[in-house]
Amino acid sequence: MAALVMPASAAPFGEPDTPATAVAEPDPLGRDTPRSMISGMIKALAEHDYDRAAQFFDLPGNSNRQRVNAAIQVRGFQALLDDGGSLEPYVALSNEAVGRIDDDLPIDQERVGQITIQNKKVPVLLARSEEAGQQIWRISQETASQIAAATRQPAAAQALEPDKFVIAGAPLKDWALLLGLGVFIFGGLWVVSALLIGAVRRLVADPAASGFYRFLEAALPPLSLLVAVILFLNWAERLPVAIVARQTLLRYTGILFVIAFVWFGLRLVDAVAELAIVRMQQRQRRQVVSVITLLRRSAKVLLLVFSGIGILDTFGIDVTTGIAALGIGGIALALGAQKTVENLVGSVTVIADRPAQVGDFIKVGEVVGTVEDVGIRSTRIRTGERTVVTIPNGDLSARHIENFATRDRFLFNPVIAVDYGVSSARLREAIGIVQGVLSEHERIAEGARANLAKIGERSFNIDVFSYIDVPDFDESVLIREDLLLSIYEGLEAAGIGLAFQTRTIVFTPEQFQAMSARPAVAELQIAP
């Protein structure tokens, strides 16, 4: 029996193609994630739109009576939050559609705060359910029933009394209390830090040269702001103020936390970089100063980028797409600037490995000269002809570098060519003269020797192997000259001549007569 197999994606003949999955539209109230749900509910409470706020609760609202009861429960929930209740800070709320999956709650529940009912802490839970084909987050029925029971009590009814002066959905006194708390905490810590810096300045003899004082002066102001923000976040949660004011200030206090952290990071980077630069300048390592400057700027840029991302996220701007775009752009930039990145890595290698420093006399390939500068991208070498050769650091780090500046001694190995006319005894005398010059000189290292190395075509070759025990090149040149002159003077005093580039040609009598018969040759004085 044969069967016709069709791909799963193939549609029957005559029927239109339908998309496999439909793109889900976002919820108009922003209930897609726990973070957006809480933000939307706080906004509705600030505008006193309790009918809209009731849509953030998992409550029936088909009839007018149900909608009225839902609005009453919303008011009661706001009163419970104002009277010692709390919600998670904005940055702590999950911005994922599935919520947090690392807690102990079911996958469709999320804990976002707590309220106090009859002196008992009750968690505020969100439940994920489907409405009109969309997955949304709302206050769970369990939490809603506890709120309903609490709103029937007289204490809850008294908390619903409106305030006379309301700004942005919260009483003026609550705004003043929160802002006053922030000013008091930050101002107090600022005064303490100023007094501490002043006391240390008086105790230190030279504040400008003291690393501890410079670090303290740079770190205390941003650190005081950072500690002030942390204390404000903890203490504001305990104040019995309107949840609208508290949640709004706590949300944007996160911006101050980011600013304080970045400020502290920038001050710390500057202090560490300046200390390292001073030490490298004292050691005459200018190329390391260039790398420290590059790392300093890179660290600052990274701090500012991440702070910008954190601030945008606090304002509710989705930065996921932007980060992905930056990643793709970074890959494209890295591919396009591959040589630049290679040179940067090469500069780090050159500076870390230190095959050559500024002032060293080196040989790189066919280039011989003195290193004038080791930069971030390239190294400049001054040649003997006073020209400047620039070699990219990526290329320099991959080449063989011969550094003459690191020599502790210089090789002295000339070949002394003695004329063939000397006898064996005179040849031994010549070797002794050369060996004596080497052993008597104070700048020749131990182990120097002079030996008859070869009987060449035109001379007896005395090979010298020794080291001039000085590290300076100019001084070694003078010593080399002195040694050669001493050897020549000794041989000259002994009557031993040095060989010259000569050649002896022997002719037969017939060849000599034939050459003598030529006019041009006859004019030459040729000895028979």
Protein backbone atom coordinates (compact mmCIF):
# COMPACT_ATOMS: atom_id res chain seq x y z
CA MET A 1 0.00 0.00 0.00
CA ALA A 2 1.53 3.30 -1.09
CA ALA A 3 1.22 6.48 0.87
CA LEU A 4 1.72 10.06 -0.27
CA VAL A 5 3.97 11.96 2.09
CA MET A 6 3.75 15.75 2.09
CA PRO A 7 5.93 18.21 4.03
CA ALA A 8 4.36 19.62 7.13
CA SER A 9 4.70 23.13 5.73
CA ALA A 10 2.91 22.30 2.51
CA ALA A 11 -0.70 23.49 2.26
CA PRO A 12 -3.44 21.56 0.48
CA PHE A 13 -4.11 22.51 -3.11
CA GLY A 14 -6.52 25.38 -3.47
CA GLU A 15 -6.14 26.66 0.12
CA PRO A 16 -4.27 29.89 0.85
CA ASP A 17 -1.01 29.78 2.81
CA THR A 18 -1.36 30.78 6.47
CA PRO A 19 1.51 31.89 8.70
CA ALA A 20 2.77 29.27 11.11
CA THR A 21 2.75 31.62 14.05
CA ALA A 22 0.97 34.91 14.56
CA VAL A 23 2.90 37.84 15.97
CA ALA A 24 1.49 38.66 19.40
CA GLU A 25 0.59 42.30 19.86
CA PRO A 26 1.63 44.01 23.12
CA ASP A 27 -0.97 44.49 25.83
CA PRO A 28 -2.40 48.05 25.69
CA LEU A 29 -2.12 48.34 29.49
CA GLY A 30 1.48 47.07 29.56
CA ARG A 31 0.79 43.90 31.51
CA ASP A 32 3.24 41.81 29.44
CA THR A 33 5.95 41.69 32.12
CA PRO A 34 5.92 42.12 35.93
CA ARG A 35 7.88 45.37 35.62
CA SER A 36 5.60 46.96 33.05
CA MET A 37 2.53 45.73 34.95
CA ILE A 38 3.61 47.39 38.22
CA SER A 39 4.58 50.59 36.36
CA GLY A 40 1.20 50.76 34.67
CA MET A 41 -0.66 50.15 37.92
CA ILE A 42 1.32 52.86 39.77
CA LYS A 43 0.56 55.28 36.93
CA ALA A 44 -3.17 54.52 37.19
CA LEU A 45 -3.08 54.97 40.96
CA ALA A 46 -1.27 58.30 40.57
CA GLU A 47 -4.00 59.50 38.22
CA HIS A 48 -6.72 58.15 40.59
CA ASP A 49 -8.08 56.11 37.70
CA TYR A 50 -9.24 53.21 39.82
CA ASP A 51 -11.34 51.67 37.05
CA ARG A 52 -8.20 51.31 34.93
CA ALA A 53 -6.18 50.20 37.96
CA ALA A 54 -8.78 47.46 38.60
CA GLN A 55 -7.80 45.88 35.27
CA PHE A 56 -4.45 45.01 36.84
CA PHE A 57 -6.27 42.71 39.28
CA ASP A 58 -7.55 39.24 38.53
CA LEU A 59 -11.12 40.21 39.43
CA PRO A 60 -14.42 39.77 37.63
CA GLY A 61 -15.70 42.99 36.07
CA ASN A 62 -18.58 42.05 33.85
CA SER A 63 -21.30 43.94 35.76
CA ASN A 64 -21.37 47.45 37.22
CA ARG A 65 -21.46 46.08 40.74
CA GLN A 66 -18.37 43.94 40.12
CA ARG A 67 -16.51 46.92 38.68
CA VAL A 68 -17.45 49.04 41.74
CA ASN A 69 -16.25 46.31 44.10
CA ALA A 70 -13.02 46.01 42.10
CA ALA A 71 -12.40 49.76 42.39
CA ILE A 72 -12.99 49.55 46.15
CA GLN A 73 -10.44 46.77 46.45
CA VAL A 74 -7.94 48.84 44.44
CA ARG A 75 -8.40 51.73 46.87
CA GLY A 76 -7.93 49.35 49.77
CA PHE A 77 -4.78 47.95 48.19
CA GLN A 78 -3.38 51.46 47.77
CA ALA A 79 -4.18 52.21 51.42
CA LEU A 80 -2.37 49.05 52.55
CA LEU A 81 0.68 49.99 50.46
CA ASP A 82 0.65 53.51 51.89
CA ASP A 83 0.41 52.14 55.43
CA GLY A 84 3.70 50.23 55.60
CA GLY A 85 3.33 48.14 52.47
CA SER A 86 6.08 47.95 49.85
CA LEU A 87 6.75 46.96 46.27
CA GLU A 88 9.99 45.76 44.77
CA PRO A 89 12.16 48.52 43.28
CA TYR A 90 11.83 49.09 39.57
CA VAL A 91 15.18 47.57 38.68
CA ALA A 92 14.49 44.47 40.80
CA LEU A 93 11.29 43.63 38.94
CA SER A 94 11.58 41.12 36.10
CA ASN A 95 11.31 42.56 32.62
CA GLU A 96 10.78 39.15 31.02
CA ALA A 97 7.43 37.90 29.83
CA VAL A 98 7.87 34.67 31.80
CA GLY A 99 8.98 36.47 34.97
CA ARG A 100 11.62 35.07 37.29
CA ILE A 101 12.22 31.36 36.97
CA ASP A 102 14.85 31.10 39.73
CA ASP A 103 12.45 31.60 42.67
CA ASP A 104 10.51 28.94 44.59
CA LEU A 105 7.13 30.03 43.19
CA PRO A 106 5.20 28.35 40.40
CA ILE A 107 6.13 29.41 36.89
CA ASP A 108 2.95 31.46 36.54
CA GLN A 109 3.41 33.43 39.80
CA GLU A 110 5.68 36.32 40.77
CA ARG A 111 6.31 37.99 44.13
CA VAL A 112 6.48 41.78 43.77
CA GLY A 113 6.08 43.11 47.33
CA GLN A 114 4.30 42.75 50.63
CA ILE A 115 1.51 44.36 52.66
CA THR A 116 0.61 44.23 56.34
CA ILE A 117 -2.79 42.83 57.33
CA GLN A 118 -3.55 42.51 61.06
CA ASN A 119 0.16 42.85 61.91
CA LYS A 120 1.01 40.03 59.55
CA LYS A 121 3.21 40.33 56.46
CA VAL A 122 1.36 39.13 53.38
CA PRO A 123 3.19 38.75 50.03
CA VAL A 124 1.83 40.52 46.98
CA LEU A 125 1.67 37.92 44.23
CA LEU A 126 1.14 38.29 40.50
CA ALA A 127 -0.47 35.59 38.43
CA ARG A 128 0.05 35.00 34.72
CA SER A 129 -3.07 34.18 32.80
CA GLU A 130 -4.55 34.52 29.35
CA GLU A 131 -6.94 37.24 28.29
CA ALA A 132 -8.15 37.77 24.75
CA GLY A 133 -5.46 35.42 23.47
CA GLN A 134 -2.65 37.24 25.30
CA GLN A 135 -0.52 36.20 28.27
CA ILE A 136 -0.69 38.98 30.89
CA TRP A 137 0.29 39.53 34.53
CA ARG A 138 -2.23 40.65 37.16
CA ILE A 139 -2.60 40.74 40.96
CA SER A 140 -3.50 37.15 41.85
CA GLN A 141 -6.89 36.13 43.15
CA GLU A 142 -5.26 34.98 46.41
CA THR A 143 -3.83 38.44 47.07
CA ALA A 144 -7.07 40.10 45.91
CA SER A 145 -9.14 38.06 48.39
CA GLN A 146 -6.81 39.07 51.24
CA ILE A 147 -7.14 42.70 50.20
CA ALA A 148 -10.92 42.38 50.10
CA ALA A 149 -10.97 41.01 53.65
CA ALA A 150 -8.76 43.85 54.85
CA THR A 151 -10.85 46.60 53.23
CA ARG A 152 -13.87 45.62 55.29
CA GLN A 153 -12.08 46.66 58.48
CA PRO A 154 -12.57 50.21 59.92
CA ALA A 155 -8.84 50.97 59.93
CA ALA A 156 -8.73 50.51 56.20
CA ALA A 157 -11.72 52.77 55.69
CA GLN A 158 -10.03 55.54 57.67
CA ALA A 159 -6.91 55.27 55.50
CA LEU A 160 -8.97 56.15 52.45
CA GLU A 161 -9.59 59.72 53.56
CA PRO A 162 -8.26 62.06 50.84
CA ASP A 163 -5.51 64.58 51.50
CA LYS A 164 -6.00 68.25 50.75
CA PHE A 165 -2.72 68.88 48.92
CA VAL A 166 -1.94 66.27 46.30
CA ILE A 167 0.87 66.45 43.71
CA ALA A 168 1.32 63.78 41.02
CA GLY A 169 -1.09 61.44 42.78
CA ALA A 170 0.53 61.66 46.25
CA PRO A 171 0.15 64.03 49.22
CA LEU A 172 2.56 66.95 49.32
CA LYS A 173 3.72 66.02 52.82
CA ASP A 174 4.82 62.60 51.59
CA TRP A 175 6.91 64.13 48.79
CA ALA A 176 8.45 66.55 51.28
CA LEU A 177 9.20 63.75 53.77
CA LEU A 178 10.97 61.60 51.16
CA LEU A 179 12.93 64.47 49.64
CA GLY A 180 13.88 65.75 53.07
CA LEU A 181 15.15 62.30 54.01
CA GLY A 182 17.31 62.19 50.89
CA VAL A 183 18.76 65.66 51.46
CA PHE A 184 19.43 64.87 55.12
CA ILE A 185 21.25 61.61 54.36
CA PHE A 186 23.35 62.93 51.48
CA GLY A 187 24.08 66.27 53.16
CA GLY A 188 25.17 64.57 56.37
CA LEU A 189 27.48 62.15 54.59
CA TRP A 190 28.89 64.97 52.46
CA VAL A 191 29.75 66.98 55.58
CA VAL A 192 31.35 63.90 57.19
CA SER A 193 33.48 63.25 54.11
CA ALA A 194 34.57 66.93 53.93
CA LEU A 195 35.59 66.88 57.60
CA LEU A 196 37.48 63.62 57.13
CA ILE A 197 39.37 64.96 54.10
CA GLY A 198 40.25 68.14 56.01
CA ALA A 199 41.53 66.16 58.98
CA VAL A 200 43.72 63.95 56.80
CA ARG A 201 45.07 67.01 54.97
CA ARG A 202 46.31 68.44 58.27
CA LEU A 203 47.88 65.15 59.34
CA VAL A 204 49.77 64.56 56.08
CA ALA A 205 52.97 66.58 55.61
CA ASP A 206 52.71 66.86 51.81
CA PRO A 207 49.13 66.19 50.63
CA ALA A 208 50.03 66.57 46.94
CA ALA A 209 52.62 63.78 47.16
CA SER A 210 50.56 61.49 49.41
CA GLY A 211 48.88 58.66 47.50
CA PHE A 212 46.52 57.91 50.38
CA TYR A 213 45.29 61.51 50.60
CA ARG A 214 44.82 61.78 46.83
CA PHE A 215 42.86 58.54 46.80
CA LEU A 216 40.74 59.67 49.75
CA GLU A 217 40.05 63.04 48.15
CA ALA A 218 39.01 61.39 44.90
CA ALA A 219 36.92 58.56 46.36
CA LEU A 220 35.04 60.07 49.31
CA PRO A 221 32.64 62.46 47.48
CA PRO A 222 31.22 59.84 45.08
CA LEU A 223 31.37 57.21 47.80
CA SER A 224 29.29 59.39 50.10
CA LEU A 225 26.65 59.75 47.36
CA LEU A 226 26.70 55.99 46.78
CA VAL A 227 26.20 55.23 50.48
CA ALA A 228 23.50 57.92 50.71
CA VAL A 229 21.55 56.28 47.89
CA ILE A 230 21.79 52.85 49.54
CA LEU A 231 20.61 54.23 52.89
CA PHE A 232 17.76 56.12 51.23
CA LEU A 233 16.59 52.98 49.43
CA ASN A 234 16.50 51.07 52.71
CA TRP A 235 14.92 53.76 54.88
CA ALA A 236 12.34 54.97 52.37
CA GLU A 237 10.80 51.50 52.28
CA ARG A 238 9.94 51.80 55.99
CA LEU A 239 8.25 55.20 55.86
CA PRO A 240 4.41 55.24 55.96
CA VAL A 241 4.07 57.42 52.85
CA ALA A 242 2.04 57.14 49.67
CA ILE A 243 3.14 54.25 47.49
CA VAL A 244 2.97 56.51 44.42
CA ALA A 245 5.54 58.94 45.83
CA ARG A 246 7.69 56.21 47.30
CA GLN A 247 7.77 54.01 44.22
CA THR A 248 8.36 56.96 41.90
CA LEU A 249 11.30 58.29 43.91
CA LEU A 250 12.76 54.84 44.44
CA ARG A 251 12.61 54.23 40.71
CA TYR A 252 14.50 57.38 39.80
CA THR A 253 16.82 57.07 42.76
CA GLY A 254 18.28 54.20 40.78
CA ILE A 255 19.60 56.85 38.37
CA LEU A 256 21.44 58.51 41.25
CA PHE A 257 22.86 55.12 42.18
CA VAL A 258 24.19 54.65 38.64
CA ILE A 259 25.61 58.20 38.62
CA ALA A 260 27.29 57.66 42.00
CA PHE A 261 28.75 54.35 40.91
CA VAL A 262 30.09 55.80 37.64
CA TRP A 263 31.42 58.88 39.44
CA PHE A 264 33.24 56.66 41.92
CA GLY A 265 34.56 54.50 39.07
CA LEU A 266 35.84 57.49 37.09
CA ARG A 267 37.56 58.98 40.13
CA LEU A 268 39.11 55.61 40.97
CA VAL A 269 40.35 55.09 37.40
CA ASP A 270 41.90 58.59 37.36
CA ALA A 271 43.63 58.09 40.72
CA VAL A 272 45.08 54.69 39.81
CA ALA A 273 46.13 55.87 36.33
CA GLU A 274 47.87 59.01 37.62
CA LEU A 275 49.75 57.01 40.24
CA ALA A 276 50.88 54.48 37.63
CA ILE A 277 51.90 57.23 35.17
CA VAL A 278 54.08 58.94 37.79
CA ARG A 279 55.85 55.68 38.58
CA MET A 280 56.42 54.84 34.91
CA GLN A 281 57.78 58.33 34.22
CA GLN A 282 60.24 57.92 37.07
CA ARG A 283 61.44 54.69 35.45
CA GLN A 284 61.70 56.36 32.01
CA ARG A 285 59.14 53.98 30.48
CA ARG A 286 57.23 56.34 28.25
CA GLN A 287 55.67 53.60 26.15
CA VAL A 288 53.92 52.19 29.22
CA VAL A 289 52.47 55.66 29.87
CA SER A 290 50.82 55.50 26.44
CA VAL A 291 49.20 52.16 27.26
CA ILE A 292 48.01 53.42 30.65
CA THR A 293 46.42 56.43 28.94
CA LEU A 294 44.68 54.14 26.45
CA LEU A 295 43.39 51.84 29.19
CA ARG A 296 42.26 54.85 31.21
CA ARG A 297 40.17 56.21 28.34
CA SER A 298 38.77 52.78 27.48
CA ALA A 299 37.68 52.18 31.08
CA LYS A 300 35.97 55.57 31.18
CA VAL A 301 34.15 54.92 27.92
CA LEU A 302 32.92 51.53 29.16
CA LEU A 303 31.70 53.06 32.42
CA LEU A 304 29.81 55.79 30.59
CA VAL A 305 28.28 53.31 28.11
CA PHE A 306 27.03 50.98 30.83
CA SER A 307 25.73 53.90 32.88
CA GLY A 308 23.83 55.17 29.85
CA ILE A 309 22.30 51.72 29.37
CA GLY A 310 21.29 51.60 33.05
CA ILE A 311 19.70 55.07 32.92
CA LEU A 312 17.77 54.26 29.74
CA ASP A 313 16.53 51.05 31.34
CA THR A 314 15.34 53.04 34.37
CA PHE A 315 13.25 55.26 32.09
CA GLY A 316 11.65 52.14 30.63
CA ILE A 317 13.45 52.25 27.30
CA ASP A 318 14.21 48.79 25.92
CA VAL A 319 17.96 48.65 25.36
CA THR A 320 18.09 45.03 24.18
CA THR A 321 17.83 45.98 20.52
CA GLY A 322 20.41 48.72 20.96
CA ILE A 323 22.86 46.36 22.67
CA ALA A 324 22.41 43.84 19.86
CA ALA A 325 23.02 46.59 17.31
CA LEU A 326 26.14 47.67 19.18
CA GLY A 327 27.34 44.08 19.16
CA ILE A 328 26.83 43.74 15.41
CA GLY A 329 28.43 47.13 14.87
CA GLY A 330 31.34 46.14 17.07
CA ILE A 331 31.92 42.99 15.04
CA ALA A 332 31.79 45.00 11.81
CA LEU A 333 34.15 47.60 13.26
CA ALA A 334 36.55 44.91 14.45
CA LEU A 335 36.59 43.31 11.00
CA GLY A 336 37.10 46.66 9.31
CA ALA A 337 39.79 47.77 11.75
CA GLN A 338 41.54 44.42 11.98
CA LYS A 339 44.98 45.92 11.39
CA THR A 340 44.38 48.62 13.98
CA VAL A 341 43.37 46.03 16.57
CA GLU A 342 46.40 43.93 15.60
CA ASN A 343 48.68 46.92 16.15
CA LEU A 344 47.08 47.64 19.54
CA VAL A 345 47.62 44.05 20.62
CA GLY A 346 51.14 44.23 19.22
CA SER A 347 51.88 47.37 21.24
CA VAL A 348 50.76 45.61 24.42
CA THR A 349 53.02 42.67 23.51
CA VAL A 350 56.00 44.95 22.80
CA ILE A 351 55.53 46.83 26.06
CA ALA A 352 54.93 43.73 28.16
CA ASP A 353 57.79 41.70 26.65
CA ARG A 354 60.09 44.76 26.27
CA PRO A 355 62.30 43.52 23.40
CA ALA A 356 63.28 47.16 22.79
CA GLN A 357 62.87 50.41 24.69
CA VAL A 358 63.34 54.05 23.83
CA GLY A 359 67.06 54.73 23.29
CA ASP A 360 68.01 51.13 22.39
CA PHE A 361 70.10 50.44 19.29
CA ILE A 362 68.35 47.59 17.46
CA LYS A 363 68.14 45.74 14.18
CA VAL A 364 64.75 44.75 12.77
CA GLY A 365 65.04 43.02 9.42
CA GLU A 366 67.06 45.38 7.25
CA VAL A 367 66.45 48.37 9.54
CA VAL A 368 69.24 49.32 11.94
CA GLY A 369 68.94 52.32 14.23
CA THR A 370 67.97 53.80 17.58
CA VAL A 371 64.44 53.52 18.96
CA GLU A 372 62.97 56.99 19.37
CA ASP A 373 59.39 56.19 20.40
CA VAL A 374 57.17 53.19 21.10
CA GLY A 375 53.60 54.35 20.55
CA ILE A 376 50.18 52.74 20.69
CA ARG A 377 50.14 51.93 16.98
CA SER A 378 53.77 51.97 15.79
CA THR A 379 57.44 52.26 16.74
CA ARG A 380 59.79 54.87 15.27
CA ILE A 381 63.47 54.06 14.64
CA ARG A 382 66.15 56.63 13.74
CA THR A 383 68.63 55.07 11.30
CA GLY A 384 72.32 55.90 10.85
CA GLU A 385 71.43 58.06 7.85
CA ARG A 386 69.20 60.14 10.19
CA THR A 387 66.01 58.94 8.54
CA VAL A 388 63.02 57.76 10.60
CA VAL A 389 61.51 54.35 9.91
CA THR A 390 58.01 53.67 11.29
CA ILE A 391 57.14 50.01 11.89
CA PRO A 392 53.60 48.99 12.96
CA ASN A 393 53.69 47.25 16.33
CA GLY A 394 51.76 44.29 14.99
CA ASP A 395 54.54 43.72 12.46
CA LEU A 396 57.28 44.53 14.97
CA SER A 397 56.06 41.98 17.51
CA ALA A 398 56.17 39.23 14.85
CA ARG A 399 59.73 39.99 13.66
CA HIS A 400 63.15 38.99 14.95
CA ILE A 401 64.55 41.92 16.94
CA GLU A 402 68.27 42.13 17.60
CA ASN A 403 68.90 44.52 20.48
CA PHE A 404 72.48 45.78 20.72
CA ALA A 405 71.79 47.95 23.76
CA THR A 406 71.40 44.97 26.07
CA ARG A 407 74.93 43.64 25.45
CA ASP A 408 77.09 43.36 28.56
CA ARG A 409 80.32 42.94 26.52
CA PHE A 410 81.53 43.13 22.92
CA LEU A 411 83.12 40.38 20.85
CA PHE A 412 86.68 41.05 19.65
CA ASN A 413 87.70 38.43 17.06
CA PRO A 414 89.86 39.84 14.28
CA VAL A 415 91.94 37.60 11.99
CA ILE A 416 95.66 38.52 11.94
CA ALA A 417 97.14 37.52 8.57
CA VAL A 418 100.95 36.92 8.77
CA ASP A 419 103.07 36.86 5.60
CA TYR A 420 104.21 33.51 4.17
CA GLY A 421 107.83 34.66 4.35
CA VAL A 422 108.15 34.07 8.11
CA SER A 423 109.58 30.94 9.63
CA SER A 424 107.73 28.67 12.03
CA ALA A 425 109.63 30.16 14.97
CA ARG A 426 108.69 33.68 13.96
CA LEU A 427 105.10 32.52 13.49
CA ARG A 428 105.06 31.20 17.07
CA GLU A 429 106.46 34.53 18.18
CA ALA A 430 103.68 36.38 16.37
CA ILE A 431 101.05 34.24 18.10
CA GLY A 432 102.71 34.98 21.46
CA ILE A 433 102.69 38.72 20.75
CA VAL A 434 98.95 38.69 20.03
CA GLN A 435 98.24 36.56 23.11
CA GLY A 436 100.32 38.91 25.25
CA VAL A 437 98.42 41.98 24.08
CA LEU A 438 95.14 40.28 25.02
CA SER A 439 96.29 39.11 28.44
CA GLU A 440 97.85 42.44 29.39
CA HIS A 441 94.82 44.60 28.56
CA GLU A 442 92.60 45.30 31.56
CA ARG A 443 89.38 45.45 29.53
CA ILE A 444 89.69 41.99 28.00
CA ALA A 445 87.60 39.37 29.80
CA GLU A 446 89.05 36.10 31.00
CA GLY A 447 89.32 33.25 28.54
CA ALA A 448 90.81 35.25 25.63
CA ARG A 449 92.88 33.21 23.18
CA ALA A 450 94.88 33.53 19.96
CA ASN A 451 95.58 30.48 17.79
CA LEU A 452 96.80 29.62 14.33
CA ALA A 453 93.46 28.81 12.77
CA LYS A 454 94.27 28.35 9.10
CA ILE A 455 97.04 28.26 6.51
CA GLY A 456 95.34 30.22 3.81
CA GLU A 457 96.12 30.78 0.16
CA ARG A 458 98.10 33.97 0.85
CA SER A 459 98.85 34.02 4.61
CA PHE A 460 99.00 32.33 7.99
CA ASN A 461 95.75 33.28 9.77
CA ILE A 462 95.88 33.87 13.53
CA ASP A 463 92.33 33.75 14.90
CA VAL A 464 91.56 35.93 17.95
CA PHE A 465 88.59 35.16 20.20
CA SER A 466 87.96 37.45 23.17
CA TYR A 467 85.42 39.83 24.74
CA ILE A 468 85.83 43.51 25.52
CA ASP A 469 84.37 43.74 29.01
CA VAL A 470 82.43 47.04 28.73
CA PRO A 471 78.71 47.60 28.07
CA ASP A 472 79.09 50.92 26.25
CA PHE A 473 79.45 50.78 22.47
CA ASP A 474 81.46 53.98 22.07
CA GLU A 475 83.97 52.85 24.70
CA SER A 476 84.27 49.44 23.04
CA VAL A 477 85.19 51.09 19.74
CA LEU A 478 88.10 52.92 21.39
CA ILE A 479 89.31 49.75 23.11
CA ARG A 480 89.11 47.82 19.85
CA GLU A 481 91.27 50.45 18.18
CA ASP A 482 93.79 50.33 21.00
CA LEU A 483 94.05 46.54 20.80
CA LEU A 484 94.60 46.52 17.03
CA LEU A 485 97.28 49.20 17.26
CA SER A 486 99.04 47.32 20.08
CA ILE A 487 99.08 44.10 18.05
CA TYR A 488 100.45 45.89 14.98
CA GLU A 489 103.12 47.69 17.02
CA GLY A 490 104.27 44.40 18.58
CA LEU A 491 104.51 42.64 15.21
CA GLU A 492 106.26 45.63 13.68
CA ALA A 493 108.85 45.75 16.49
CA ALA A 494 109.55 42.03 16.00
CA GLY A 495 110.01 42.50 12.25
CA ILE A 496 107.04 40.33 11.37
CA GLY A 497 105.08 41.64 8.42
CA LEU A 498 101.43 41.31 7.71
CA ALA A 499 100.24 39.64 4.55
CA PHE A 500 98.88 41.67 1.67
CA GLN A 501 96.50 40.71 -1.09
CA THR A 502 99.20 39.58 -3.59
CA ARG A 503 99.43 36.86 -6.26
CA THR A 504 102.57 35.25 -7.77
CA ILE A 505 102.42 34.19 -11.46
CA VAL A 506 105.11 31.81 -12.86
CA PHE A 507 105.85 31.86 -16.62
CA THR A 508 107.87 29.44 -18.73
CA PRO A 509 110.79 30.92 -20.72
CA GLU A 510 108.83 30.65 -23.95
CA GLN A 511 105.81 32.44 -22.42
CA PHE A 512 108.06 35.15 -21.00
CA GLN A 513 109.83 35.74 -24.36
CA ALA A 514 106.47 35.90 -26.12
CA MET A 515 105.13 38.42 -23.64
CA SER A 516 108.36 40.46 -23.79
CA ALA A 517 108.00 40.74 -27.53
CA ARG A 518 104.75 42.63 -27.14
CA PRO A 519 105.25 46.42 -27.14
CA ALA A 520 102.84 47.09 -24.28
CA VAL A 521 104.44 44.45 -22.09
CA ALA A 522 108.01 45.39 -23.01
CA GLU A 523 107.54 48.74 -21.37
CA LEU A 524 106.80 47.06 -18.03
CA GLN A 525 109.65 46.24 -15.71
CA ILE A 526 109.17 42.52 -15.24
CA ALA A 527 111.81 40.66 -13.26
CA PRO A 528 112.77 37.26 -14.74
